[in-house]
Amino acid sequence: MNNLDDRLDDALAQIDAGRSPGAVLADHPEDAHELGELLNLAAAIRTVEHPEPHAASGRSWGLRPAAATGRPAPIRPGLSARRWL
């Protein structure tokens, strides 16, 4: 593995498989400090509760995805697709 992203992915996979973070870091002494910080960050992120969208969140505003209607989304007069770029 040649970059930190690859080593991080590998380390996370090993931890998910049940290996201890200390044992994983021992395999990467050259960047154990930086990799250790990233593993701590990943562990902290995994403990955060992820909010679930409310079932009617878009309905109260009258919002519907254009794909659900089977028609393309209308373009308001005076707006071209190029103006937002």
Protein backbone atom coordinates (compact mmCIF):
# COMPACT_ATOMS: atom_id res chain seq x y z
CA MET A 1 0.00 0.00 0.00
CA ASN A 2 1.46 3.25 -1.04
CA ASN A 3 -0.62 6.02 0.52
CA LEU A 4 -2.24 6.90 3.81
CA ASP A 5 -5.79 6.59 2.43
CA ASP A 6 -5.15 2.98 1.47
CA ARG A 7 -3.57 2.22 4.84
CA LEU A 8 -6.50 3.84 6.63
CA ASP A 9 -9.01 1.79 4.63
CA ASP A 10 -7.06 -1.35 5.42
CA ALA A 11 -6.79 -0.48 9.11
CA LEU A 12 -10.52 0.21 9.39
CA ALA A 13 -11.32 -3.07 7.67
CA GLN A 14 -9.04 -4.94 10.09
CA ILE A 15 -10.64 -3.25 13.10
CA ASP A 16 -14.11 -4.06 11.74
CA ALA A 17 -12.98 -7.67 11.45
CA GLY A 18 -12.14 -7.68 15.16
CA ARG A 19 -8.46 -6.81 15.31
CA SER A 20 -7.42 -4.33 18.02
CA PRO A 21 -6.40 -0.81 16.97
CA GLY A 22 -3.06 -1.24 18.76
CA ALA A 23 -2.23 -4.34 16.74
CA VAL A 24 -3.21 -2.59 13.52
CA LEU A 25 -1.01 0.42 14.34
CA ALA A 26 1.92 -1.88 15.14
CA ASP A 27 1.84 -2.94 11.48
CA HIS A 28 2.37 0.69 10.39
CA PRO A 29 5.11 2.18 12.59
CA GLU A 30 6.13 4.74 9.95
CA ASP A 31 2.85 6.62 10.25
CA ALA A 32 1.35 5.22 13.46
CA HIS A 33 0.79 8.69 14.92
CA GLU A 34 -1.16 10.09 11.96
CA LEU A 35 -2.99 6.83 11.34
CA GLY A 36 -3.83 6.59 15.04
CA GLU A 37 -5.40 10.05 14.97
CA LEU A 38 -7.48 9.10 11.94
CA LEU A 39 -8.60 5.86 13.60
CA ASN A 40 -9.63 7.82 16.71
CA LEU A 41 -11.60 10.22 14.51
CA ALA A 42 -13.30 7.33 12.69
CA ALA A 43 -14.22 5.73 16.03
CA ALA A 44 -15.69 9.02 17.28
CA ILE A 45 -17.70 9.51 14.10
CA ARG A 46 -19.12 6.01 14.37
CA THR A 47 -20.53 6.81 17.83
CA VAL A 48 -22.48 9.85 16.63
CA GLU A 49 -26.18 9.24 16.19
CA HIS A 50 -27.23 9.80 12.59
CA PRO A 51 -30.47 11.75 12.19
CA GLU A 52 -33.26 10.16 10.21
CA PRO A 53 -35.26 12.34 7.82
CA HIS A 54 -38.84 12.91 8.84
CA ALA A 55 -41.27 11.09 6.55
CA ALA A 56 -43.21 14.25 5.71
CA SER A 57 -40.30 16.67 5.69
CA GLY A 58 -40.63 17.58 2.01
CA ARG A 59 -44.41 17.44 1.92
CA SER A 60 -44.95 20.32 4.30
CA TRP A 61 -43.23 22.59 1.80
CA GLY A 62 -44.95 21.04 -1.19
CA LEU A 63 -41.68 19.63 -2.47
CA ARG A 64 -41.60 16.53 -4.61
CA PRO A 65 -38.76 15.10 -6.63
CA ALA A 66 -39.34 15.60 -10.34
CA ALA A 67 -38.70 11.90 -10.91
CA ALA A 68 -41.70 11.01 -8.73
CA THR A 69 -44.06 12.99 -10.96
CA GLY A 70 -42.78 11.50 -14.21
CA ARG A 71 -42.27 15.00 -15.61
CA PRO A 72 -39.17 17.18 -15.75
CA ALA A 73 -38.93 19.89 -13.14
CA PRO A 74 -40.41 23.16 -14.40
CA ILE A 75 -38.07 26.04 -15.11
CA ARG A 76 -39.27 29.34 -13.76
CA PRO A 77 -39.65 32.12 -16.32
CA GLY A 78 -36.56 34.25 -16.55
CA LEU A 79 -34.23 31.54 -15.29
CA SER A 80 -32.07 29.63 -17.63
CA ALA A 81 -30.12 26.54 -16.72
CA ARG A 82 -26.92 28.48 -17.41
CA ARG A 83 -27.55 31.24 -14.84
CA TRP A 84 -26.78 29.07 -11.86
CA LEU A 85 -23.29 28.20 -13.11
